[in-house]
Amino acid sequence: MLNIHFFTFNAFEENTYIISNHKKECWITDPGMYEQREIDEFISFIDKNELKPQSIINTHAHLDHIFGVKAIKERYNIPFGIHELELPVLERGADTAAMFGMKLDHIPKADFYIPNNKKLSLGDDDVEVMLTPGHSPGSISFYHPAGNWILSGDVLFNGSIGRTDLPGGDFDTLIGAIRKNLFVLPDNTTVLSGHGPATTIGNEKKHNPFLQ
C-alpha cells in the first residue's frame, strides 16, 4: 500500500503530495513550491526521510501546481509527466503567472505523457489514472484502491469544485467527469484535493452544493 504526505505551498495554498512505498521510492505530485524557503522545506523532508524520488506526476499544469517542477527535476534528476491534453496549459504558464503578478521564468518541459485508463506502478504498488477534464483539458486523477484514496487535483474539493473560467475550462464537462469517474467510487473513498482539506466521496455526494 502506498503512503501519502502533503504540504501546502505558495499564495494559492496549493497542496503538493509525496506518494511513497515501503522501499522509500516516491512520486512527487503537483510541486507548488514558489519561495526558496518552500523548496528548502520540501527537499529537507525528502532527504531527512531518505526518500528516493522516481518522477513527478502532475494532475494538471496550472501555474500553482508547477512552480516547483524545475527545482525538483534538477535536484533529483527525475522526469516530469502530465496528460498530453494539458500541454497547452503548461505552455501558457508564464502568461498566466503575469496575470497574477507572479513570475514563472522557466516553463518545465514534459518528459513523458501520462495516459488515461492506465496504471502507474511504483514498485509493487499501482495507481489508476482517470481523465477528469473540465477544470483544465487534461486534468487527471490518481486512484489507489488499496489505500482507499483518490488524488483529484483541482477537480473536486471539500464542498466545492475546481474553477472553470480559465482557458480550457468547462463547467458541464467538469460536473460530468466528477459524476462519471469519481462518484462511482465507494462512498468512504478519501478525496485528496489540490487545495483545502480532505473529504470523502460520500460527503460530497450528500453535501457539495455544485453536485446536488
C-alpha atoms as a PDB file:
ATOM      1  CA  MET A   1       0.000   0.000   0.000  1.00  0.00           C
ATOM      2  CA  LEU A   2       1.211   3.474  -0.840  1.00  0.00           C
ATOM      3  CA  ASN A   3       1.696   6.171   1.776  1.00  0.00           C
ATOM      4  CA  ILE A   4       0.896   9.802   1.128  1.00  0.00           C
ATOM      5  CA  HIS A   5       2.111  13.038   2.699  1.00  0.00           C
ATOM      6  CA  PHE A   6       1.231  16.590   1.740  1.00  0.00           C
ATOM      7  CA  PHE A   7       2.484  20.149   2.067  1.00  0.00           C
ATOM      8  CA  THR A   8       0.664  23.419   1.387  1.00  0.00           C
ATOM      9  CA  PHE A   9       2.649  25.936  -0.624  1.00  0.00           C
ATOM     10  CA  ASN A  10       2.511  29.326  -2.392  1.00  0.00           C
ATOM     11  CA  ALA A  11      -0.003  32.156  -2.296  1.00  0.00           C
ATOM     12  CA  PHE A  12      -2.713  29.904  -3.746  1.00  0.00           C
ATOM     13  CA  GLU A  13      -2.381  27.492  -0.791  1.00  0.00           C
ATOM     14  CA  GLU A  14      -1.809  24.577  -3.144  1.00  0.00           C
ATOM     15  CA  ASN A  15      -1.360  21.046  -1.850  1.00  0.00           C
ATOM     16  CA  THR A  16       1.787  19.236  -3.010  1.00  0.00           C
ATOM     17  CA  TYR A  17       1.870  15.467  -2.419  1.00  0.00           C
ATOM     18  CA  ILE A  18       4.548  12.827  -1.903  1.00  0.00           C
ATOM     19  CA  ILE A  19       3.383   9.281  -2.659  1.00  0.00           C
ATOM     20  CA  SER A  20       5.798   6.621  -1.355  1.00  0.00           C
ATOM     21  CA  ASN A  21       6.121   2.861  -0.979  1.00  0.00           C
ATOM     22  CA  HIS A  22       7.803   0.647   1.636  1.00  0.00           C
ATOM     23  CA  LYS A  23      11.109   0.852  -0.244  1.00  0.00           C
ATOM     24  CA  LYS A  24      11.004   4.654   0.154  1.00  0.00           C
ATOM     25  CA  GLU A  25      10.639   5.131  -3.591  1.00  0.00           C
ATOM     26  CA  CYS A  26       8.304   8.044  -4.244  1.00  0.00           C
ATOM     27  CA  TRP A  27       6.416  10.135  -6.747  1.00  0.00           C
ATOM     28  CA  ILE A  28       6.036  13.872  -6.319  1.00  0.00           C
ATOM     29  CA  THR A  29       2.679  15.240  -7.415  1.00  0.00           C
ATOM     30  CA  ASP A  30       1.970  18.894  -8.231  1.00  0.00           C
ATOM     31  CA  PRO A  31       5.106  20.523  -6.781  1.00  0.00           C
ATOM     32  CA  GLY A  32       3.927  24.041  -5.972  1.00  0.00           C
ATOM     33  CA  MET A  33       6.925  25.459  -4.120  1.00  0.00           C
ATOM     34  CA  TYR A  34       7.329  29.133  -5.093  1.00  0.00           C
ATOM     35  CA  GLU A  35       9.636  30.642  -2.477  1.00  0.00           C
ATOM     36  CA  GLN A  36      13.129  29.277  -1.846  1.00  0.00           C
ATOM     37  CA  ARG A  37      12.181  28.527   1.753  1.00  0.00           C
ATOM     38  CA  GLU A  38       9.393  26.263   0.466  1.00  0.00           C
ATOM     39  CA  ILE A  39      11.804  24.435  -1.809  1.00  0.00           C
ATOM     40  CA  ASP A  40      14.232  24.019   1.089  1.00  0.00           C
ATOM     41  CA  GLU A  41      11.489  22.687   3.389  1.00  0.00           C
ATOM     42  CA  PHE A  42      10.385  20.137   0.812  1.00  0.00           C
ATOM     43  CA  ILE A  43      13.876  18.907  -0.032  1.00  0.00           C
ATOM     44  CA  SER A  44      14.727  18.693   3.660  1.00  0.00           C
ATOM     45  CA  PHE A  45      11.742  16.398   4.255  1.00  0.00           C
ATOM     46  CA  ILE A  46      12.700  14.092   1.382  1.00  0.00           C
ATOM     47  CA  ASP A  47      16.347  13.894   2.411  1.00  0.00           C
ATOM     48  CA  LYS A  48      15.628  13.501   6.133  1.00  0.00           C
ATOM     49  CA  ASN A  49      13.275  10.609   5.420  1.00  0.00           C
ATOM     50  CA  GLU A  50      15.696   9.093   2.889  1.00  0.00           C
ATOM     51  CA  LEU A  51      13.045   9.038   0.165  1.00  0.00           C
ATOM     52  CA  LYS A  52      14.005   8.202  -3.408  1.00  0.00           C
ATOM     53  CA  PRO A  53      12.084  10.337  -5.928  1.00  0.00           C
ATOM     54  CA  GLN A  54      11.305   8.477  -9.149  1.00  0.00           C
ATOM     55  CA  SER A  55       9.278  11.013 -11.131  1.00  0.00           C
ATOM     56  CA  ILE A  56       6.957  13.998 -10.967  1.00  0.00           C
ATOM     57  CA  ILE A  57       3.379  13.112 -11.940  1.00  0.00           C
ATOM     58  CA  ASN A  58       1.042  16.083 -12.134  1.00  0.00           C
ATOM     59  CA  THR A  59      -2.727  16.155 -12.047  1.00  0.00           C
ATOM     60  CA  HIS A  60      -2.635  19.243 -14.270  1.00  0.00           C
ATOM     61  CA  ALA A  61      -0.371  22.113 -15.260  1.00  0.00           C
ATOM     62  CA  HIS A  62      -1.812  25.321 -13.832  1.00  0.00           C
ATOM     63  CA  LEU A  63       0.955  27.571 -12.571  1.00  0.00           C
ATOM     64  CA  ASP A  64       0.360  26.969  -8.854  1.00  0.00           C
ATOM     65  CA  HIS A  65       0.953  23.254  -9.447  1.00  0.00           C
ATOM     66  CA  ILE A  66       4.186  23.629 -11.438  1.00  0.00           C
ATOM     67  CA  PHE A  67       6.146  26.353  -9.629  1.00  0.00           C
ATOM     68  CA  GLY A  68       8.494  23.799  -8.079  1.00  0.00           C
ATOM     69  CA  VAL A  69       8.948  21.438 -11.029  1.00  0.00           C
ATOM     70  CA  LYS A  70      12.249  22.913 -12.206  1.00  0.00           C
ATOM     71  CA  ALA A  71      13.878  22.786  -8.760  1.00  0.00           C
ATOM     72  CA  ILE A  72      12.786  19.204  -8.112  1.00  0.00           C
ATOM     73  CA  LYS A  73      13.787  17.961 -11.577  1.00  0.00           C
ATOM     74  CA  GLU A  74      17.243  19.452 -11.169  1.00  0.00           C
ATOM     75  CA  ARG A  75      17.730  18.291  -7.582  1.00  0.00           C
ATOM     76  CA  TYR A  76      16.810  14.646  -8.191  1.00  0.00           C
ATOM     77  CA  ASN A  77      17.296  14.301 -11.952  1.00  0.00           C
ATOM     78  CA  ILE A  78      13.820  12.862 -12.451  1.00  0.00           C
ATOM     79  CA  PRO A  79      11.298  13.195 -15.311  1.00  0.00           C
ATOM     80  CA  PHE A  80       8.105  15.259 -15.272  1.00  0.00           C
ATOM     81  CA  GLY A  81       4.831  13.897 -16.650  1.00  0.00           C
ATOM     82  CA  ILE A  82       1.392  15.285 -17.476  1.00  0.00           C
ATOM     83  CA  HIS A  83      -1.511  14.208 -19.665  1.00  0.00           C
ATOM     84  CA  GLU A  84      -0.911  15.189 -23.288  1.00  0.00           C
ATOM     85  CA  LEU A  85      -4.080  17.327 -23.423  1.00  0.00           C
ATOM     86  CA  GLU A  86      -2.566  19.512 -20.710  1.00  0.00           C
ATOM     87  CA  LEU A  87       0.330  20.686 -22.873  1.00  0.00           C
ATOM     88  CA  PRO A  88      -1.324  23.986 -23.979  1.00  0.00           C
ATOM     89  CA  VAL A  89      -1.978  24.858 -20.330  1.00  0.00           C
ATOM     90  CA  LEU A  90       1.654  24.200 -19.469  1.00  0.00           C
ATOM     91  CA  GLU A  91       2.871  26.373 -22.331  1.00  0.00           C
ATOM     92  CA  ARG A  92       0.710  29.314 -21.124  1.00  0.00           C
ATOM     93  CA  GLY A  93       2.288  29.192 -17.671  1.00  0.00           C
ATOM     94  CA  ALA A  94       4.339  32.391 -17.904  1.00  0.00           C
ATOM     95  CA  ASP A  95       1.411  34.436 -19.242  1.00  0.00           C
ATOM     96  CA  THR A  96      -0.873  33.097 -16.532  1.00  0.00           C
ATOM     97  CA  ALA A  97       1.685  33.918 -13.854  1.00  0.00           C
ATOM     98  CA  ALA A  98       1.911  37.500 -15.137  1.00  0.00           C
ATOM     99  CA  MET A  99      -1.875  37.825 -14.769  1.00  0.00           C
ATOM    100  CA  PHE A 100      -1.462  37.178 -11.054  1.00  0.00           C
ATOM    101  CA  GLY A 101       1.614  39.388 -10.646  1.00  0.00           C
ATOM    102  CA  MET A 102       3.918  36.396 -10.241  1.00  0.00           C
ATOM    103  CA  LYS A 103       6.944  35.115 -12.137  1.00  0.00           C
ATOM    104  CA  LEU A 104       7.474  31.808 -13.854  1.00  0.00           C
ATOM    105  CA  ASP A 105      10.772  32.291 -15.623  1.00  0.00           C
ATOM    106  CA  HIS A 106      11.162  28.677 -16.696  1.00  0.00           C
ATOM    107  CA  ILE A 107       8.369  26.598 -18.237  1.00  0.00           C
ATOM    108  CA  PRO A 108       9.206  22.965 -17.446  1.00  0.00           C
ATOM    109  CA  LYS A 109       9.277  20.533 -20.349  1.00  0.00           C
ATOM    110  CA  ALA A 110       7.068  17.462 -20.121  1.00  0.00           C
ATOM    111  CA  ASP A 111       9.370  14.451 -20.325  1.00  0.00           C
ATOM    112  CA  PHE A 112       6.546  11.955 -20.730  1.00  0.00           C
ATOM    113  CA  TYR A 113       2.777  11.850 -21.086  1.00  0.00           C
ATOM    114  CA  ILE A 114       0.533  10.023 -18.639  1.00  0.00           C
ATOM    115  CA  PRO A 115      -2.148   8.016 -20.496  1.00  0.00           C
ATOM    116  CA  ASN A 116      -5.761   7.729 -19.399  1.00  0.00           C
ATOM    117  CA  ASN A 117      -7.171   4.404 -18.159  1.00  0.00           C
ATOM    118  CA  LYS A 118      -3.726   3.024 -17.385  1.00  0.00           C
ATOM    119  CA  LYS A 119      -1.958   2.056 -14.186  1.00  0.00           C
ATOM    120  CA  LEU A 120       1.230   3.667 -12.977  1.00  0.00           C
ATOM    121  CA  SER A 121       3.467   1.397 -10.910  1.00  0.00           C
ATOM    122  CA  LEU A 122       5.722   2.353  -8.041  1.00  0.00           C
ATOM    123  CA  GLY A 123       7.467  -0.885  -7.191  1.00  0.00           C
ATOM    124  CA  ASP A 124       4.722  -3.392  -6.420  1.00  0.00           C
ATOM    125  CA  ASP A 125       2.009  -0.755  -5.952  1.00  0.00           C
ATOM    126  CA  ASP A 126      -0.247   0.869  -8.538  1.00  0.00           C
ATOM    127  CA  VAL A 127      -2.449   3.894  -9.032  1.00  0.00           C
ATOM    128  CA  GLU A 128      -5.144   4.071 -11.675  1.00  0.00           C
ATOM    129  CA  VAL A 129      -5.156   7.104 -13.958  1.00  0.00           C
ATOM    130  CA  MET A 130      -8.510   8.739 -14.719  1.00  0.00           C
ATOM    131  CA  LEU A 131      -9.006  11.589 -17.170  1.00  0.00           C
ATOM    132  CA  THR A 132     -11.197  14.103 -15.309  1.00  0.00           C
ATOM    133  CA  PRO A 133     -11.364  17.224 -17.502  1.00  0.00           C
ATOM    134  CA  GLY A 134     -13.334  20.411 -17.007  1.00  0.00           C
ATOM    135  CA  HIS A 135     -11.066  22.387 -14.702  1.00  0.00           C
ATOM    136  CA  SER A 136      -8.494  22.053 -17.476  1.00  0.00           C
ATOM    137  CA  PRO A 137      -8.487  19.896 -20.620  1.00  0.00           C
ATOM    138  CA  GLY A 138      -6.026  17.262 -19.415  1.00  0.00           C
ATOM    139  CA  SER A 139      -6.769  17.109 -15.695  1.00  0.00           C
ATOM    140  CA  ILE A 140      -6.207  13.605 -14.352  1.00  0.00           C
ATOM    141  CA  SER A 141      -6.873  11.936 -11.017  1.00  0.00           C
ATOM    142  CA  PHE A 142      -4.847   9.167  -9.369  1.00  0.00           C
ATOM    143  CA  TYR A 143      -6.877   6.424  -7.652  1.00  0.00           C
ATOM    144  CA  HIS A 144      -5.314   3.933  -5.233  1.00  0.00           C
ATOM    145  CA  PRO A 145      -7.947   1.302  -4.369  1.00  0.00           C
ATOM    146  CA  ALA A 146      -5.715  -0.486  -1.861  1.00  0.00           C
ATOM    147  CA  GLY A 147      -5.363   2.707   0.143  1.00  0.00           C
ATOM    148  CA  ASN A 148      -8.946   3.821  -0.477  1.00  0.00           C
ATOM    149  CA  TRP A 149      -7.978   7.285  -1.707  1.00  0.00           C
ATOM    150  CA  ILE A 150      -8.053   9.370  -4.859  1.00  0.00           C
ATOM    151  CA  LEU A 151      -5.831  12.345  -5.549  1.00  0.00           C
ATOM    152  CA  SER A 152      -8.163  14.591  -7.528  1.00  0.00           C
ATOM    153  CA  GLY A 153      -6.116  17.722  -8.216  1.00  0.00           C
ATOM    154  CA  ASP A 154      -8.456  20.691  -8.649  1.00  0.00           C
ATOM    155  CA  VAL A 155     -11.428  18.656  -9.876  1.00  0.00           C
ATOM    156  CA  LEU A 156     -13.275  18.113  -6.586  1.00  0.00           C
ATOM    157  CA  PHE A 157     -12.847  19.923  -3.272  1.00  0.00           C
ATOM    158  CA  ASN A 158     -14.360  19.686   0.169  1.00  0.00           C
ATOM    159  CA  GLY A 159     -17.677  21.443  -0.502  1.00  0.00           C
ATOM    160  CA  SER A 160     -16.685  22.843  -3.872  1.00  0.00           C
ATOM    161  CA  ILE A 161     -15.317  22.110  -7.357  1.00  0.00           C
ATOM    162  CA  GLY A 162     -12.484  23.465  -9.483  1.00  0.00           C
ATOM    163  CA  ARG A 163     -12.948  26.779 -11.239  1.00  0.00           C
ATOM    164  CA  THR A 164     -13.924  26.587 -14.896  1.00  0.00           C
ATOM    165  CA  ASP A 165     -13.378  30.193 -16.030  1.00  0.00           C
ATOM    166  CA  LEU A 166      -9.737  29.703 -17.060  1.00  0.00           C
ATOM    167  CA  PRO A 167      -8.799  28.800 -20.673  1.00  0.00           C
ATOM    168  CA  GLY A 168      -9.779  25.223 -21.405  1.00  0.00           C
ATOM    169  CA  GLY A 169     -12.229  25.005 -18.511  1.00  0.00           C
ATOM    170  CA  ASP A 170     -15.857  23.948 -18.927  1.00  0.00           C
ATOM    171  CA  PHE A 171     -18.434  23.618 -16.159  1.00  0.00           C
ATOM    172  CA  ASP A 172     -20.597  20.911 -17.735  1.00  0.00           C
ATOM    173  CA  THR A 173     -17.522  18.839 -18.614  1.00  0.00           C
ATOM    174  CA  LEU A 174     -16.255  19.078 -15.035  1.00  0.00           C
ATOM    175  CA  ILE A 175     -19.567  18.052 -13.486  1.00  0.00           C
ATOM    176  CA  GLY A 176     -19.821  15.164 -15.921  1.00  0.00           C
ATOM    177  CA  ALA A 177     -16.302  13.973 -15.116  1.00  0.00           C
ATOM    178  CA  ILE A 178     -16.997  14.028 -11.378  1.00  0.00           C
ATOM    179  CA  ARG A 179     -20.212  12.065 -11.717  1.00  0.00           C
ATOM    180  CA  LYS A 180     -18.808   9.554 -14.223  1.00  0.00           C
ATOM    181  CA  ASN A 181     -15.397   8.898 -12.676  1.00  0.00           C
ATOM    182  CA  LEU A 182     -15.422   9.926  -9.025  1.00  0.00           C
ATOM    183  CA  PHE A 183     -18.964   9.397  -7.784  1.00  0.00           C
ATOM    184  CA  VAL A 184     -18.857   5.740  -8.844  1.00  0.00           C
ATOM    185  CA  LEU A 185     -16.140   5.085  -6.248  1.00  0.00           C
ATOM    186  CA  PRO A 186     -17.009   3.775  -2.751  1.00  0.00           C
ATOM    187  CA  ASP A 187     -18.524   6.447  -0.526  1.00  0.00           C
ATOM    188  CA  ASN A 188     -15.715   6.069   2.037  1.00  0.00           C
ATOM    189  CA  THR A 189     -13.006   6.856  -0.523  1.00  0.00           C
ATOM    190  CA  THR A 190     -10.848   9.716   0.741  1.00  0.00           C
ATOM    191  CA  VAL A 191     -10.557  12.621  -1.705  1.00  0.00           C
ATOM    192  CA  LEU A 192      -7.192  14.388  -1.563  1.00  0.00           C
ATOM    193  CA  SER A 193      -7.566  17.697  -3.343  1.00  0.00           C
ATOM    194  CA  GLY A 194      -5.252  20.299  -4.808  1.00  0.00           C
ATOM    195  CA  HIS A 195      -6.441  22.871  -2.276  1.00  0.00           C
ATOM    196  CA  GLY A 196      -8.051  22.651   1.138  1.00  0.00           C
ATOM    197  CA  PRO A 197      -8.769  19.721   3.459  1.00  0.00           C
ATOM    198  CA  ALA A 198      -9.526  16.140   2.513  1.00  0.00           C
ATOM    199  CA  THR A 199     -13.087  14.890   2.164  1.00  0.00           C
ATOM    200  CA  THR A 200     -14.849  11.703   1.085  1.00  0.00           C
ATOM    201  CA  ILE A 201     -16.872  10.748  -1.962  1.00  0.00           C
ATOM    202  CA  GLY A 202     -19.926  10.108   0.209  1.00  0.00           C
ATOM    203  CA  ASN A 203     -19.670  13.503   1.884  1.00  0.00           C
ATOM    204  CA  GLU A 204     -19.505  15.304  -1.464  1.00  0.00           C
ATOM    205  CA  LYS A 205     -22.464  13.331  -2.845  1.00  0.00           C
ATOM    206  CA  LYS A 206     -24.555  14.482   0.114  1.00  0.00           C
ATOM    207  CA  HIS A 207     -23.355  17.998   0.742  1.00  0.00           C
ATOM    208  CA  ASN A 208     -21.489  19.521  -2.228  1.00  0.00           C
ATOM    209  CA  PRO A 209     -23.797  22.325  -3.454  1.00  0.00           C
ATOM    210  CA  PHE A 210     -22.495  22.093  -7.037  1.00  0.00           C
ATOM    211  CA  LEU A 211     -23.480  18.435  -7.325  1.00  0.00           C
ATOM    212  CA  GLN A 212     -26.947  18.232  -5.816  1.00  0.00           C
END
